[in-house]
Amino acid sequence: MTAHFETSSVTTSHNRPLRGLVGDIGGTNARFAIAERIDGKTTLADFKSLETADHKDCYAALAAYFTLIGGRPDLDYAVVAVAGPVKDGRIKFTNLDWEVREDLLARAVGVRKARLINDYAGLAFALPHLADSDTKTIGPVSKGFGNVHAVMGAGTGFGASVLVGGEFGPYCLSTESGHISFAPVNDYESEILRFLRKKHGRVTVEMLLSGPGLVNLYQAISSIRGEFAENLTPAQITHLEGEDATGSRYTVEAFLDIMASVCGDLALAHGATAGMFIAGGVAPRLIKHIDELRFRARMEAKAPLSAMVAAIPSSIIIHPYAALLGSANALTDIQITA
């Protein structure tokens, strides 16, 4: 499935493609690349991944990156996606002793225009630029309607963003959808909610759809089934081979059911009629375990608007550097050259 938004094709005054430093920084790794944009096409080169623990701050990591690629090239802009909320052009990471500011980022990269965006905003800005080979469509629906797309995903936490196209787009709205309350749709999920509510109080979507959420689900389902819960990691839970993986299979099944239900919820909440995309570290590992008919049935069970949701495509992003691709396109050509 390929999405298309119209963008301008202005190039720089030097009659060459627009070139920018793009990044994707999480708690463990800082990934950088050089993006080139011309005639609506984006290419990424000089991709490097650095461990954040090896550098005192983002600017030191950038200096190391430029050394690795043979020096700082002539750049027009910088956009870096970060794992956390950006406020007033800066972010102070929760799981990393770094603070990044747009003005200092611009100085370190040698550009006039620098921008920090949330990591799920980076994914959202990538959506119009994904080729069919960059996604795995779930179910028979491959083309939606309208110009609003959304991306959601489960990793360390749960993230979601919305991208609006049209005359005034693309415009991205970052959300905190992972912190909405979990809504069970059957007695089995009500039992899961009851178990987790006793332990945590209010139960959110992120408490189920994330790496830690897999552990919560496994513990809840083990209790419901009257089985002993091993001390398993999320990676162990999603490894479903072998006879001893019964509890894990039930957990992954419930995880995918809940993900499908939330996918339909967010499609309605955000008006994402052009398509729902799924990212994050967990879903791509579970592609082979997805029952597409079952996933779509859960996603579309949204009476009285089931027919509307049934017309919305759902896809898993498999592009390895989607956030970098989105970062490369977060600023329009006019914004860069203005």
Protein backbone atom coordinates (compact mmCIF):
# COMPACT_ATOMS: atom_id res chain seq x y z
CA MET A 1 0.00 0.00 0.00
CA THR A 2 1.39 3.37 -1.01
CA ALA A 3 0.13 6.71 0.23
CA HIS A 4 0.66 9.98 -1.60
CA PHE A 5 0.54 13.61 -0.47
CA GLU A 6 1.43 16.55 -2.68
CA THR A 7 4.57 18.45 -1.68
CA SER A 8 6.48 21.26 -3.32
CA SER A 9 9.62 20.54 -5.34
CA VAL A 10 11.66 23.65 -4.55
CA THR A 11 15.43 23.05 -4.55
CA THR A 12 18.16 25.12 -2.97
CA SER A 13 19.71 28.19 -4.46
CA HIS A 14 22.77 26.07 -5.20
CA ASN A 15 20.76 24.11 -7.80
CA ARG A 16 21.24 20.78 -6.05
CA PRO A 17 18.99 18.45 -4.05
CA LEU A 18 18.01 19.44 -0.54
CA ARG A 19 20.33 17.61 1.83
CA GLY A 20 19.76 17.10 5.54
CA LEU A 21 20.99 15.36 8.65
CA VAL A 22 18.29 13.04 9.96
CA GLY A 23 18.31 11.15 13.24
CA ASP A 24 16.35 8.81 15.46
CA ILE A 25 17.43 8.83 19.12
CA GLY A 26 16.19 6.39 21.74
CA GLY A 27 17.49 5.42 25.14
CA THR A 28 20.11 3.00 23.81
CA ASN A 29 20.96 4.02 20.25
CA ALA A 30 21.32 7.21 18.22
CA ARG A 31 20.85 6.55 14.50
CA PHE A 32 21.87 9.12 11.91
CA ALA A 33 21.87 9.37 8.14
CA ILE A 34 22.19 11.93 5.37
CA ALA A 35 18.98 12.47 3.39
CA GLU A 36 18.72 13.87 -0.13
CA ARG A 37 15.41 15.11 -1.51
CA ILE A 38 14.66 16.03 -5.10
CA ASP A 39 11.43 15.99 -7.11
CA GLY A 40 9.50 14.42 -4.24
CA LYS A 41 11.94 11.49 -3.88
CA THR A 42 14.05 10.85 -0.78
CA THR A 43 17.19 8.75 -0.47
CA LEU A 44 19.15 7.92 2.68
CA ALA A 45 22.91 7.41 2.79
CA ASP A 46 25.71 7.11 5.35
CA PHE A 47 23.52 5.38 7.92
CA LYS A 48 25.28 4.82 11.24
CA SER A 49 24.02 3.64 14.63
CA LEU A 50 25.90 4.82 17.73
CA GLU A 51 25.43 3.69 21.31
CA THR A 52 24.29 6.62 23.44
CA ALA A 53 26.26 5.35 26.44
CA ASP A 54 29.49 6.01 24.53
CA HIS A 55 28.84 9.76 24.20
CA LYS A 56 28.30 12.48 26.80
CA ASP A 57 25.58 14.20 24.77
CA CYS A 58 23.90 14.38 21.39
CA TYR A 59 26.40 16.89 20.06
CA ALA A 60 29.33 14.60 20.87
CA ALA A 61 27.50 11.77 19.13
CA LEU A 62 26.99 13.98 16.07
CA ALA A 63 30.69 14.87 16.01
CA ALA A 64 31.52 11.17 16.12
CA TYR A 65 29.03 10.49 13.32
CA PHE A 66 30.55 13.12 11.05
CA THR A 67 34.00 11.65 11.73
CA LEU A 68 32.72 8.20 10.75
CA ILE A 69 31.39 9.44 7.39
CA GLY A 70 34.49 11.43 6.54
CA GLY A 71 33.48 14.90 7.65
CA ARG A 72 30.44 17.14 7.90
CA PRO A 73 28.86 17.62 4.47
CA ASP A 74 27.18 20.80 3.25
CA LEU A 75 23.66 20.50 4.70
CA ASP A 76 20.43 22.48 4.42
CA TYR A 77 18.48 21.22 7.44
CA ALA A 78 18.44 18.80 10.36
CA VAL A 79 15.48 16.84 11.74
CA VAL A 80 15.88 14.41 14.61
CA ALA A 81 13.14 12.13 15.93
CA VAL A 82 13.35 11.54 19.68
CA ALA A 83 11.74 9.10 22.09
CA GLY A 84 9.72 11.51 24.18
CA PRO A 85 7.79 14.77 24.12
CA VAL A 86 9.36 17.87 22.56
CA LYS A 87 8.55 21.14 24.33
CA ASP A 88 9.64 24.59 23.17
CA GLY A 89 12.20 23.11 20.81
CA ARG A 90 13.94 20.90 23.33
CA ILE A 91 13.77 17.48 24.92
CA LYS A 92 15.19 16.13 28.14
CA PHE A 93 15.20 12.36 27.82
CA THR A 94 13.66 10.20 30.53
CA ASN A 95 15.91 7.15 30.09
CA LEU A 96 19.00 9.01 28.92
CA ASP A 97 21.06 11.80 30.49
CA TRP A 98 20.84 13.98 27.39
CA GLU A 99 19.10 17.26 26.68
CA VAL A 100 18.81 18.38 23.06
CA ARG A 101 17.87 21.88 21.85
CA GLU A 102 16.99 22.85 18.30
CA ASP A 103 19.25 25.91 18.31
CA LEU A 104 22.27 23.93 19.49
CA LEU A 105 21.42 21.12 17.08
CA ALA A 106 21.43 23.62 14.19
CA ARG A 107 24.83 24.91 15.32
CA ALA A 108 26.30 21.41 15.64
CA VAL A 109 25.11 20.42 12.17
CA GLY A 110 25.85 23.78 10.54
CA VAL A 111 22.33 24.56 9.27
CA ARG A 112 19.81 27.36 9.61
CA LYS A 113 16.82 25.09 10.13
CA ALA A 114 16.74 22.31 12.74
CA ARG A 115 13.76 20.55 14.22
CA LEU A 116 13.12 17.98 16.92
CA ILE A 117 10.08 15.76 16.55
CA ASN A 118 8.59 12.89 18.53
CA ASP A 119 9.65 9.47 17.25
CA TYR A 120 6.08 8.56 16.30
CA ALA A 121 5.80 11.86 14.45
CA GLY A 122 8.85 10.71 12.52
CA LEU A 123 7.02 7.51 11.63
CA ALA A 124 3.88 9.46 10.66
CA PHE A 125 5.80 11.74 8.28
CA ALA A 126 7.16 8.59 6.60
CA LEU A 127 3.73 7.24 5.70
CA PRO A 128 3.29 9.07 2.36
CA HIS A 129 6.74 7.88 1.27
CA LEU A 130 6.45 4.16 2.02
CA ALA A 131 6.47 1.79 -0.94
CA ASP A 132 4.37 -1.36 -1.04
CA SER A 133 7.48 -3.36 -0.14
CA ASP A 134 7.92 -1.27 3.03
CA THR A 135 4.70 -2.58 4.60
CA LYS A 136 2.84 -5.84 5.17
CA THR A 137 -0.88 -5.36 4.63
CA ILE A 138 -3.16 -7.22 7.03
CA GLY A 139 -6.29 -8.43 5.27
CA PRO A 140 -7.74 -7.70 1.82
CA VAL A 141 -8.18 -3.92 2.09
CA SER A 142 -5.27 -2.11 0.42
CA LYS A 143 -6.64 1.37 -0.31
CA GLY A 144 -8.56 3.65 2.02
CA PHE A 145 -10.21 7.02 1.49
CA GLY A 146 -9.57 10.59 2.57
CA ASN A 147 -6.18 12.01 3.53
CA VAL A 148 -5.74 11.12 7.22
CA HIS A 149 -3.32 8.33 8.15
CA ALA A 150 -2.32 7.13 11.61
CA VAL A 151 0.51 5.04 13.00
CA MET A 152 0.54 3.14 16.29
CA GLY A 153 3.03 0.77 17.80
CA ALA A 154 4.14 -1.29 20.76
CA GLY A 155 7.74 -1.25 21.90
CA THR A 156 9.14 -0.14 25.24
CA GLY A 157 5.87 1.76 25.48
CA PHE A 158 2.93 2.44 23.18
CA GLY A 159 3.00 5.34 20.74
CA ALA A 160 0.68 6.83 18.14
CA SER A 161 0.59 9.79 15.75
CA VAL A 162 -1.75 11.10 13.07
CA LEU A 163 -0.77 12.63 9.73
CA VAL A 164 -3.22 14.93 7.97
CA GLY A 165 -2.76 15.66 4.28
CA GLY A 166 -4.78 17.84 1.98
CA GLU A 167 -4.43 21.49 1.09
CA PHE A 168 -2.78 22.49 4.37
CA GLY A 169 -0.82 19.31 5.01
CA PRO A 170 1.12 17.36 5.75
CA TYR A 171 0.48 18.15 9.40
CA CYS A 172 1.31 15.74 12.20
CA LEU A 173 -0.47 15.42 15.53
CA SER A 174 1.48 13.48 18.16
CA THR A 175 -0.77 11.79 20.70
CA GLU A 176 -0.57 9.98 24.04
CA SER A 177 -3.00 7.26 22.99
CA GLY A 178 -1.12 4.65 24.99
CA HIS A 179 -2.46 6.18 28.18
CA ILE A 180 -6.15 5.81 27.34
CA SER A 181 -7.98 3.19 29.39
CA PHE A 182 -8.06 -0.41 28.19
CA ALA A 183 -11.56 -1.45 27.07
CA PRO A 184 -12.21 -5.23 27.16
CA VAL A 185 -14.68 -6.55 24.59
CA ASN A 186 -15.43 -10.01 26.05
CA ASP A 187 -15.50 -11.88 29.36
CA TYR A 188 -11.97 -13.22 28.90
CA GLU A 189 -10.53 -9.74 28.51
CA SER A 190 -12.64 -8.57 31.45
CA GLU A 191 -10.83 -11.18 33.55
CA ILE A 192 -7.50 -9.84 32.30
CA LEU A 193 -8.60 -6.32 33.23
CA ARG A 194 -9.75 -7.47 36.68
CA PHE A 195 -6.38 -9.11 37.40
CA LEU A 196 -4.38 -6.07 36.29
CA ARG A 197 -6.69 -3.57 38.00
CA LYS A 198 -6.06 -5.24 41.35
CA LYS A 199 -2.35 -4.86 40.75
CA HIS A 200 -2.14 -1.44 39.10
CA GLY A 201 -5.42 0.40 39.57
CA ARG A 202 -6.34 2.04 36.27
CA VAL A 203 -5.25 -0.14 33.35
CA THR A 204 -4.08 1.59 30.19
CA VAL A 205 -3.53 0.36 26.65
CA GLU A 206 0.24 0.64 27.16
CA MET A 207 0.03 -1.77 30.10
CA LEU A 208 -1.00 -4.43 27.56
CA LEU A 209 0.43 -3.32 24.23
CA SER A 210 4.16 -2.93 24.92
CA GLY A 211 7.11 -5.05 25.93
CA PRO A 212 6.20 -4.76 29.64
CA GLY A 213 2.58 -5.22 28.57
CA LEU A 214 3.39 -8.67 27.21
CA VAL A 215 4.66 -9.60 30.68
CA ASN A 216 1.49 -8.19 32.27
CA LEU A 217 -0.65 -10.18 29.85
CA TYR A 218 1.31 -13.37 30.44
CA GLN A 219 0.96 -13.06 34.21
CA ALA A 220 -2.76 -12.31 33.96
CA ILE A 221 -3.48 -15.17 31.58
CA SER A 222 -1.42 -17.62 33.64
CA SER A 223 -3.48 -16.67 36.70
CA ILE A 224 -6.77 -17.01 34.82
CA ARG A 225 -5.73 -20.44 33.52
CA GLY A 226 -4.52 -21.53 36.95
CA GLU A 227 -0.95 -21.99 35.73
CA PHE A 228 2.37 -20.98 37.23
CA ALA A 229 3.81 -17.85 35.60
CA GLU A 230 7.50 -18.21 34.81
CA ASN A 231 9.78 -15.17 35.08
CA LEU A 232 9.84 -14.56 31.32
CA THR A 233 11.08 -11.56 29.34
CA PRO A 234 9.05 -10.11 26.44
CA ALA A 235 11.49 -11.74 23.98
CA GLN A 236 10.95 -15.12 25.64
CA ILE A 237 7.18 -14.71 25.56
CA THR A 238 7.19 -13.99 21.83
CA HIS A 239 9.38 -17.04 21.13
CA LEU A 240 6.60 -19.54 20.51
CA GLU A 241 8.54 -22.63 19.49
CA GLY A 242 8.48 -25.80 21.62
CA GLU A 243 5.94 -27.62 23.77
CA ASP A 244 6.59 -25.40 26.79
CA ALA A 245 5.33 -22.29 24.99
CA THR A 246 1.61 -22.86 25.61
CA GLY A 247 1.24 -19.90 27.97
CA SER A 248 3.15 -17.73 25.54
CA ARG A 249 0.85 -18.72 22.69
CA TYR A 250 -2.22 -17.68 24.65
CA THR A 251 -0.47 -14.42 25.55
CA VAL A 252 0.49 -13.57 21.97
CA GLU A 253 -3.01 -14.47 20.79
CA ALA A 254 -4.53 -12.07 23.32
CA PHE A 255 -1.94 -9.41 22.49
CA LEU A 256 -2.81 -9.52 18.78
CA ASP A 257 -6.56 -9.49 19.50
CA ILE A 258 -6.22 -6.42 21.70
CA MET A 259 -3.92 -4.73 19.19
CA ALA A 260 -6.51 -5.27 16.45
CA SER A 261 -9.26 -3.85 18.65
CA VAL A 262 -7.18 -0.78 19.54
CA CYS A 263 -6.28 -0.36 15.87
CA GLY A 264 -9.98 0.00 15.09
CA ASP A 265 -10.52 2.30 18.08
CA LEU A 266 -7.76 4.67 16.97
CA ALA A 267 -8.95 4.61 13.37
CA LEU A 268 -12.25 5.99 14.65
CA ALA A 269 -10.76 8.32 17.27
CA HIS A 270 -8.40 9.95 14.78
CA GLY A 271 -10.52 9.69 11.64
CA ALA A 272 -7.70 7.75 9.98
CA THR A 273 -9.74 6.59 7.02
CA ALA A 274 -6.75 6.49 4.64
CA GLY A 275 -4.99 3.80 6.64
CA MET A 276 -3.79 2.50 10.00
CA PHE A 277 -0.11 1.58 10.19
CA ILE A 278 1.50 -0.49 12.94
CA ALA A 279 5.14 0.03 13.95
CA GLY A 280 7.19 -0.62 17.09
CA GLY A 281 9.47 -3.46 18.06
CA VAL A 282 6.85 -6.11 18.89
CA ALA A 283 4.45 -6.36 15.93
CA PRO A 284 7.06 -6.98 13.18
CA ARG A 285 8.33 -9.98 15.18
CA LEU A 286 4.83 -11.44 15.29
CA ILE A 287 3.86 -11.10 11.62
CA LYS A 288 3.95 -14.84 10.98
CA HIS A 289 1.58 -15.45 13.90
CA ILE A 290 -1.11 -13.02 12.75
CA ASP A 291 -4.39 -14.58 11.62
CA GLU A 292 -5.42 -11.89 9.15
CA LEU A 293 -9.14 -12.75 9.14
CA ARG A 294 -9.24 -12.77 12.93
CA PHE A 295 -7.29 -9.50 13.16
CA ARG A 296 -9.61 -7.74 10.74
CA ALA A 297 -12.71 -9.13 12.47
CA ARG A 298 -11.54 -7.67 15.78
CA MET A 299 -10.52 -4.38 14.19
CA GLU A 300 -13.85 -4.01 12.37
CA ALA A 301 -16.09 -4.96 15.33
CA LYS A 302 -17.07 -1.31 15.89
CA ALA A 303 -20.86 -1.26 15.48
CA PRO A 304 -22.59 0.93 14.42
CA LEU A 305 -19.56 2.02 12.33
CA SER A 306 -18.29 -1.44 11.36
CA ALA A 307 -18.69 -0.75 7.63
CA MET A 308 -16.61 2.42 7.91
CA VAL A 309 -13.75 0.63 9.69
CA ALA A 310 -13.98 -2.30 7.27
CA ALA A 311 -12.95 0.09 4.48
CA ILE A 312 -9.77 1.23 6.29
CA PRO A 313 -6.51 -0.58 5.43
CA SER A 314 -4.24 -1.91 8.17
CA SER A 315 -0.52 -2.52 7.61
CA ILE A 316 2.63 -3.31 9.55
CA ILE A 317 5.66 -1.14 8.73
CA ILE A 318 8.69 -3.27 7.89
CA HIS A 319 10.94 -0.48 6.53
CA PRO A 320 14.05 -0.64 8.77
CA TYR A 321 14.60 3.14 8.92
CA ALA A 322 11.07 4.51 8.68
CA ALA A 323 11.61 7.18 11.35
CA LEU A 324 14.65 8.46 9.46
CA LEU A 325 12.66 8.56 6.23
CA GLY A 326 9.94 10.50 8.02
CA SER A 327 12.44 12.88 9.57
CA ALA A 328 13.77 13.61 6.10
CA ASN A 329 10.29 14.76 5.06
CA ALA A 330 9.05 16.47 8.22
CA LEU A 331 9.93 19.89 6.82
CA THR A 332 8.54 20.98 3.46
CA ASP A 333 10.92 22.33 0.86
CA ILE A 334 9.48 25.81 1.38
CA GLN A 335 10.04 25.62 5.15
CA ILE A 336 13.68 24.69 4.58
CA THR A 337 14.45 27.33 2.01
CA ALA A 338 12.43 30.17 3.53
